[in-house]
PDB file of N, CA and C in Angstrom:
ATOM      1  N   MET A   1     -10.125  17.649  -5.619  1.00  0.00           N
ATOM      2  CA  MET A   1     -10.464  16.291  -6.272  1.00  0.00           C
ATOM      3  C   MET A   1     -11.171  15.572  -5.106  1.00  0.00           C
ATOM      4  N   ASP A   2     -12.374  14.669  -5.779  1.00  0.00           N
ATOM      5  CA  ASP A   2     -12.980  13.974  -4.786  1.00  0.00           C
ATOM      6  C   ASP A   2     -12.436  12.607  -4.645  1.00  0.00           C
ATOM      7  N   ILE A   3     -12.212  12.034  -3.505  1.00  0.00           N
ATOM      8  CA  ILE A   3     -11.729  10.773  -3.305  1.00  0.00           C
ATOM      9  C   ILE A   3     -12.819  10.019  -2.328  1.00  0.00           C
ATOM     10  N   ARG A   4     -13.110   8.835  -2.919  1.00  0.00           N
ATOM     11  CA  ARG A   4     -13.940   7.970  -2.075  1.00  0.00           C
ATOM     12  C   ARG A   4     -13.282   7.348  -0.968  1.00  0.00           C
ATOM     13  N   ILE A   5     -13.548   7.201   0.229  1.00  0.00           N
ATOM     14  CA  ILE A   5     -12.907   6.733   1.227  1.00  0.00           C
ATOM     15  C   ILE A   5     -13.625   5.687   1.976  1.00  0.00           C
ATOM     16  N   ILE A   6     -13.032   4.333   2.236  1.00  0.00           N
ATOM     17  CA  ILE A   6     -13.607   3.258   3.038  1.00  0.00           C
ATOM     18  C   ILE A   6     -13.110   3.679   4.649  1.00  0.00           C
ATOM     19  N   LEU A   7     -14.260   3.733   5.374  1.00  0.00           N
ATOM     20  CA  LEU A   7     -13.904   4.027   6.675  1.00  0.00           C
ATOM     21  C   LEU A   7     -14.295   2.834   7.625  1.00  0.00           C
ATOM     22  N   GLU A   8     -13.408   1.917   8.221  1.00  0.00           N
ATOM     23  CA  GLU A   8     -13.588   0.717   9.013  1.00  0.00           C
ATOM     24  C   GLU A   8     -13.730   0.971  10.597  1.00  0.00           C
ATOM     25  N   ARG A   9     -14.601   0.586  11.307  1.00  0.00           N
ATOM     26  CA  ARG A   9     -14.473   0.665  12.578  1.00  0.00           C
ATOM     27  C   ARG A   9     -14.254  -0.625  13.268  1.00  0.00           C
ATOM     28  N   HIS A  10     -13.123  -0.495  14.037  1.00  0.00           N
ATOM     29  CA  HIS A  10     -12.717  -1.889  14.738  1.00  0.00           C
ATOM     30  C   HIS A  10     -12.884  -1.611  16.256  1.00  0.00           C
ATOM     31  N   GLU A  11     -12.671  -2.781  17.260  1.00  0.00           N
ATOM     32  CA  GLU A  11     -12.529  -2.794  18.370  1.00  0.00           C
ATOM     33  C   GLU A  11     -11.456  -1.826  18.726  1.00  0.00           C
ATOM     34  N   ASP A  12     -10.713  -1.676  18.449  1.00  0.00           N
ATOM     35  CA  ASP A  12      -9.351  -0.772  18.999  1.00  0.00           C
ATOM     36  C   ASP A  12      -9.068   0.544  17.922  1.00  0.00           C
ATOM     37  N   GLY A  13     -10.096   0.824  17.204  1.00  0.00           N
ATOM     38  CA  GLY A  13      -9.975   2.311  16.540  1.00  0.00           C
ATOM     39  C   GLY A  13     -10.595   2.146  15.055  1.00  0.00           C
ATOM     40  N   TYR A  14     -10.059   2.673  14.106  1.00  0.00           N
ATOM     41  CA  TYR A  14     -10.649   3.123  12.785  1.00  0.00           C
ATOM     42  C   TYR A  14      -9.554   2.818  11.690  1.00  0.00           C
ATOM     43  N   VAL A  15      -9.988   2.247  10.594  1.00  0.00           N
ATOM     44  CA  VAL A  15      -8.927   2.093   9.377  1.00  0.00           C
ATOM     45  C   VAL A  15      -9.606   2.884   8.315  1.00  0.00           C
ATOM     46  N   ALA A  16      -9.025   3.593   7.562  1.00  0.00           N
ATOM     47  CA  ALA A  16      -9.451   4.040   6.352  1.00  0.00           C
ATOM     48  C   ALA A  16      -8.607   3.889   5.125  1.00  0.00           C
ATOM     49  N   TYR A  17      -9.231   3.919   4.000  1.00  0.00           N
ATOM     50  CA  TYR A  17      -8.612   3.734   2.710  1.00  0.00           C
ATOM     51  C   TYR A  17      -9.109   3.961   1.457  1.00  0.00           C
ATOM     52  N   PRO A  18      -8.499   4.452   0.566  1.00  0.00           N
ATOM     53  CA  PRO A  18      -9.348   5.245  -0.788  1.00  0.00           C
ATOM     54  C   PRO A  18      -9.497   3.984  -1.616  1.00  0.00           C
ATOM     55  N   ILE A  19     -10.727   4.173  -2.412  1.00  0.00           N
ATOM     56  CA  ILE A  19     -10.872   3.361  -3.412  1.00  0.00           C
ATOM     57  C   ILE A  19     -10.454   3.752  -4.845  1.00  0.00           C
ATOM     58  N   GLY A  20      -9.905   2.893  -5.476  1.00  0.00           N
ATOM     59  CA  GLY A  20      -9.354   3.117  -6.882  1.00  0.00           C
ATOM     60  C   GLY A  20      -8.199   3.829  -6.940  1.00  0.00           C
ATOM     61  N   ILE A  21      -7.378   3.858  -5.943  1.00  0.00           N
ATOM     62  CA  ILE A  21      -5.949   4.342  -6.382  1.00  0.00           C
ATOM     63  C   ILE A  21      -5.012   3.261  -6.219  1.00  0.00           C
ATOM     64  N   TRP A  22      -4.106   3.310  -7.176  1.00  0.00           N
ATOM     65  CA  TRP A  22      -3.148   2.058  -7.139  1.00  0.00           C
ATOM     66  C   TRP A  22      -1.995   2.295  -6.084  1.00  0.00           C
ATOM     67  N   GLY A  23      -1.867   1.136  -5.406  1.00  0.00           N
ATOM     68  CA  GLY A  23      -0.773   1.118  -4.376  1.00  0.00           C
ATOM     69  C   GLY A  23      -1.473   0.904  -3.207  1.00  0.00           C
ATOM     70  N   VAL A  24      -0.713   0.862  -1.987  1.00  0.00           N
ATOM     71  CA  VAL A  24      -0.984   0.715  -0.640  1.00  0.00           C
ATOM     72  C   VAL A  24      -1.280   1.847   0.021  1.00  0.00           C
ATOM     73  N   ILE A  25      -2.421   2.338   0.375  1.00  0.00           N
ATOM     74  CA  ILE A  25      -2.613   3.854   1.092  1.00  0.00           C
ATOM     75  C   ILE A  25      -3.633   3.358   2.200  1.00  0.00           C
ATOM     76  N   ILE A  26      -3.282   3.410   3.584  1.00  0.00           N
ATOM     77  CA  ILE A  26      -4.004   3.287   4.438  1.00  0.00           C
ATOM     78  C   ILE A  26      -3.900   4.403   5.646  1.00  0.00           C
ATOM     79  N   GLY A  27      -5.022   4.605   6.368  1.00  0.00           N
ATOM     80  CA  GLY A  27      -4.730   5.436   7.466  1.00  0.00           C
ATOM     81  C   GLY A  27      -5.553   4.600   8.663  1.00  0.00           C
ATOM     82  N   GLN A  28      -5.036   5.385   9.841  1.00  0.00           N
ATOM     83  CA  GLN A  28      -5.620   4.521  10.959  1.00  0.00           C
ATOM     84  C   GLN A  28      -5.716   5.574  12.281  1.00  0.00           C
ATOM     85  N   GLY A  29      -6.603   5.540  13.198  1.00  0.00           N
ATOM     86  CA  GLY A  29      -6.863   6.465  14.193  1.00  0.00           C
ATOM     87  C   GLY A  29      -7.575   5.635  15.304  1.00  0.00           C
ATOM     88  N   ASP A  30      -7.564   6.580  16.576  1.00  0.00           N
ATOM     89  CA  ASP A  30      -8.605   6.105  17.559  1.00  0.00           C
ATOM     90  C   ASP A  30      -9.766   6.531  17.256  1.00  0.00           C
ATOM     91  N   THR A  31      -9.974   7.616  16.502  1.00  0.00           N
ATOM     92  CA  THR A  31     -11.432   7.992  16.122  1.00  0.00           C
ATOM     93  C   THR A  31     -11.447   7.963  14.577  1.00  0.00           C
ATOM     94  N   ALA A  32     -12.620   8.407  13.938  1.00  0.00           N
ATOM     95  CA  ALA A  32     -13.044   8.494  12.561  1.00  0.00           C
ATOM     96  C   ALA A  32     -12.121   9.557  12.045  1.00  0.00           C
ATOM     97  N   GLU A  33     -12.333  10.735  12.787  1.00  0.00           N
ATOM     98  CA  GLU A  33     -11.509  12.037  12.150  1.00  0.00           C
ATOM     99  C   GLU A  33      -9.937  11.611  12.158  1.00  0.00           C
ATOM    100  N   GLU A  34      -9.446  11.026  13.275  1.00  0.00           N
ATOM    101  CA  GLU A  34      -7.854  10.846  13.216  1.00  0.00           C
ATOM    102  C   GLU A  34      -7.749   9.752  11.939  1.00  0.00           C
ATOM    103  N   ALA A  35      -8.455   8.802  11.648  1.00  0.00           N
ATOM    104  CA  ALA A  35      -8.106   7.960  10.656  1.00  0.00           C
ATOM    105  C   ALA A  35      -8.191   8.654   9.189  1.00  0.00           C
ATOM    106  N   MET A  36      -9.355   9.488   8.978  1.00  0.00           N
ATOM    107  CA  MET A  36      -9.517  10.050   7.726  1.00  0.00           C
ATOM    108  C   MET A  36      -8.415  11.406   7.865  1.00  0.00           C
ATOM    109  N   ALA A  37      -7.817  11.970   8.642  1.00  0.00           N
ATOM    110  CA  ALA A  37      -6.681  12.650   8.700  1.00  0.00           C
ATOM    111  C   ALA A  37      -5.470  12.006   8.325  1.00  0.00           C
ATOM    112  N   ASP A  38      -5.292  10.929   8.686  1.00  0.00           N
ATOM    113  CA  ASP A  38      -3.809  10.184   8.281  1.00  0.00           C
ATOM    114  C   ASP A  38      -4.088   9.428   7.045  1.00  0.00           C
ATOM    115  N   VAL A  39      -5.274   8.991   6.576  1.00  0.00           N
ATOM    116  CA  VAL A  39      -5.377   8.727   5.081  1.00  0.00           C
ATOM    117  C   VAL A  39      -5.259   9.647   4.177  1.00  0.00           C
ATOM    118  N   MET A  40      -5.642  10.917   4.429  1.00  0.00           N
ATOM    119  CA  MET A  40      -5.441  11.974   3.359  1.00  0.00           C
ATOM    120  C   MET A  40      -4.159  12.270   3.630  1.00  0.00           C
ATOM    121  N   SER A  41      -3.241  12.188   4.519  1.00  0.00           N
ATOM    122  CA  SER A  41      -1.921  12.765   4.600  1.00  0.00           C
ATOM    123  C   SER A  41      -1.158  11.413   3.848  1.00  0.00           C
ATOM    124  N   ALA A  42      -1.827  10.188   3.854  1.00  0.00           N
ATOM    125  CA  ALA A  42      -1.029   9.166   3.164  1.00  0.00           C
ATOM    126  C   ALA A  42      -1.224   9.480   1.777  1.00  0.00           C
ATOM    127  N   ILE A  43      -2.390   9.946   1.384  1.00  0.00           N
ATOM    128  CA  ILE A  43      -2.877  10.183  -0.107  1.00  0.00           C
ATOM    129  C   ILE A  43      -1.946  11.380  -0.678  1.00  0.00           C
ATOM    130  N   LYS A  44      -1.869  12.157   0.146  1.00  0.00           N
ATOM    131  CA  LYS A  44      -0.879  13.555  -0.478  1.00  0.00           C
ATOM    132  C   LYS A  44       0.514  13.070  -0.576  1.00  0.00           C
ATOM    133  N   PHE A  45       1.051  12.199   0.318  1.00  0.00           N
ATOM    134  CA  PHE A  45       2.395  11.712   0.342  1.00  0.00           C
ATOM    135  C   PHE A  45       2.344  10.832  -1.035  1.00  0.00           C
ATOM    136  N   HIS A  46       1.631  10.074  -1.347  1.00  0.00           N
ATOM    137  CA  HIS A  46       1.785   9.240  -2.470  1.00  0.00           C
ATOM    138  C   HIS A  46       1.475   9.955  -3.774  1.00  0.00           C
ATOM    139  N   ALA A  47       0.850  11.006  -3.910  1.00  0.00           N
ATOM    140  CA  ALA A  47       0.778  11.981  -4.853  1.00  0.00           C
ATOM    141  C   ALA A  47       2.060  12.775  -5.124  1.00  0.00           C
ATOM    142  N   GLU A  48       2.740  13.200  -3.763  1.00  0.00           N
ATOM    143  CA  GLU A  48       4.105  13.792  -4.008  1.00  0.00           C
ATOM    144  C   GLU A  48       5.102  12.874  -4.274  1.00  0.00           C
ATOM    145  N   THR A  49       5.114  11.755  -4.119  1.00  0.00           N
ATOM    146  CA  THR A  49       6.030  10.743  -4.554  1.00  0.00           C
ATOM    147  C   THR A  49       6.002  10.105  -5.756  1.00  0.00           C
ATOM    148  N   PHE A  50       4.775   9.664  -6.098  1.00  0.00           N
ATOM    149  CA  PHE A  50       4.599   8.984  -7.481  1.00  0.00           C
ATOM    150  C   PHE A  50       3.867  10.103  -8.602  1.00  0.00           C
ATOM    151  N   GLY A  51       3.516  11.169  -8.278  1.00  0.00           N
ATOM    152  CA  GLY A  51       2.817  12.200  -8.940  1.00  0.00           C
ATOM    153  C   GLY A  51       1.286  12.310  -9.125  1.00  0.00           C
ATOM    154  N   GLU A  52       0.728  13.244  -9.236  1.00  0.00           N
ATOM    155  CA  GLU A  52      -0.711  13.157  -9.256  1.00  0.00           C
ATOM    156  C   GLU A  52      -1.408  12.332 -10.060  1.00  0.00           C
ATOM    157  N   ALA A  53      -0.954  11.842 -11.151  1.00  0.00           N
ATOM    158  CA  ALA A  53      -1.252  10.878 -12.435  1.00  0.00           C
ATOM    159  C   ALA A  53      -1.636   9.700 -11.503  1.00  0.00           C
ATOM    160  N   SER A  54      -0.792   9.306 -10.385  1.00  0.00           N
ATOM    161  CA  SER A  54      -0.672   7.859 -10.005  1.00  0.00           C
ATOM    162  C   SER A  54      -2.164   7.761  -9.011  1.00  0.00           C
ATOM    163  N   LEU A  55      -2.888   8.824  -8.918  1.00  0.00           N
ATOM    164  CA  LEU A  55      -4.056   8.894  -8.115  1.00  0.00           C
ATOM    165  C   LEU A  55      -5.350   8.444  -8.875  1.00  0.00           C
ATOM    166  N   TRP A  56      -4.997   8.514 -10.073  1.00  0.00           N
ATOM    167  CA  TRP A  56      -6.285   8.199 -11.317  1.00  0.00           C
ATOM    168  C   TRP A  56      -5.804   7.093 -12.073  1.00  0.00           C
ATOM    169  N   SER A  57      -6.834   6.374 -12.612  1.00  0.00           N
ATOM    170  CA  SER A  57      -6.408   5.391 -13.660  1.00  0.00           C
ATOM    171  C   SER A  57      -7.911   5.666 -14.542  1.00  0.00           C
ATOM    172  N   ASP A  58      -7.559   4.938 -15.759  1.00  0.00           N
ATOM    173  CA  ASP A  58      -8.682   5.229 -16.752  1.00  0.00           C
ATOM    174  C   ASP A  58      -9.755   4.040 -16.348  1.00  0.00           C
ATOM    175  N   ASP A  59      -9.355   3.219 -15.554  1.00  0.00           N
ATOM    176  CA  ASP A  59     -10.294   2.162 -15.023  1.00  0.00           C
ATOM    177  C   ASP A  59     -11.043   2.559 -13.596  1.00  0.00           C
ATOM    178  N   ARG A  60     -11.865   3.354 -13.495  1.00  0.00           N
ATOM    179  CA  ARG A  60     -12.375   4.068 -12.535  1.00  0.00           C
ATOM    180  C   ARG A  60     -13.437   3.062 -12.011  1.00  0.00           C
ATOM    181  N   VAL A  61     -13.532   3.029 -10.476  1.00  0.00           N
ATOM    182  CA  VAL A  61     -14.321   2.177  -9.787  1.00  0.00           C
ATOM    183  C   VAL A  61     -15.707   2.719  -9.670  1.00  0.00           C
ATOM    184  N   LEU A  62     -16.475   1.986 -10.279  1.00  0.00           N
ATOM    185  CA  LEU A  62     -18.084   2.686 -10.592  1.00  0.00           C
ATOM    186  C   LEU A  62     -18.987   2.297  -9.206  1.00  0.00           C
ATOM    187  N   GLN A  63     -18.743   1.048  -8.633  1.00  0.00           N
ATOM    188  CA  GLN A  63     -19.587   0.603  -7.395  1.00  0.00           C
ATOM    189  C   GLN A  63     -18.638  -0.135  -6.579  1.00  0.00           C
ATOM    190  N   VAL A  64     -18.961   0.123  -5.310  1.00  0.00           N
ATOM    191  CA  VAL A  64     -18.433  -1.002  -4.246  1.00  0.00           C
ATOM    192  C   VAL A  64     -19.438  -1.597  -3.556  1.00  0.00           C
ATOM    193  N   GLU A  65     -19.453  -3.075  -3.346  1.00  0.00           N
ATOM    194  CA  GLU A  65     -20.281  -3.750  -2.771  1.00  0.00           C
ATOM    195  C   GLU A  65     -19.598  -4.287  -1.299  1.00  0.00           C
ATOM    196  N   LEU A  66     -20.286  -4.666  -0.476  1.00  0.00           N
ATOM    197  CA  LEU A  66     -19.840  -5.558   0.878  1.00  0.00           C
ATOM    198  C   LEU A  66     -20.639  -6.945   0.589  1.00  0.00           C
ATOM    199  N   ARG A  67     -19.715  -7.921   0.518  1.00  0.00           N
ATOM    200  CA  ARG A  67     -20.412  -9.207   0.422  1.00  0.00           C
ATOM    201  C   ARG A  67     -19.443 -10.029   1.345  1.00  0.00           C
ATOM    202  N   GLU A  68     -20.092 -11.173   1.793  1.00  0.00           N
ATOM    203  CA  GLU A  68     -19.441 -11.934   2.824  1.00  0.00           C
ATOM    204  C   GLU A  68     -19.371 -13.633   1.937  1.00  0.00           C
ATOM    205  N   ALA A  69     -18.314 -14.234   2.284  1.00  0.00           N
ATOM    206  CA  ALA A  69     -17.978 -15.351   1.589  1.00  0.00           C
ATOM    207  C   ALA A  69     -17.306 -16.382   2.762  1.00  0.00           C
ATOM    208  N   ARG A  70     -17.695 -17.611   2.727  1.00  0.00           N
ATOM    209  CA  ARG A  70     -17.326 -18.595   3.718  1.00  0.00           C
ATOM    210  C   ARG A  70     -15.844 -19.034   3.185  1.00  0.00           C
ATOM    211  N   VAL A  71     -14.980 -19.312   3.832  1.00  0.00           N
ATOM    212  CA  VAL A  71     -13.565 -19.761   3.357  1.00  0.00           C
ATOM    213  C   VAL A  71     -13.209 -20.913   4.505  1.00  0.00           C
TER     214      VAL A  71
END
């Protein structure tokens, strides 16, 4: 199964999270590879805990955009 992952680079490392999966799933690491491995582990744990059906919904994310807003 293919899962789209957002990978963010920060000053102190990387954060990764999947798009379109219900619940809070996040990975982090000092490198992009560590963050990706961590988020994949979290996704597998999520599927084992809540069932594979929890990874998908009928409301699939079709597009992701990055926008800025002033608060």
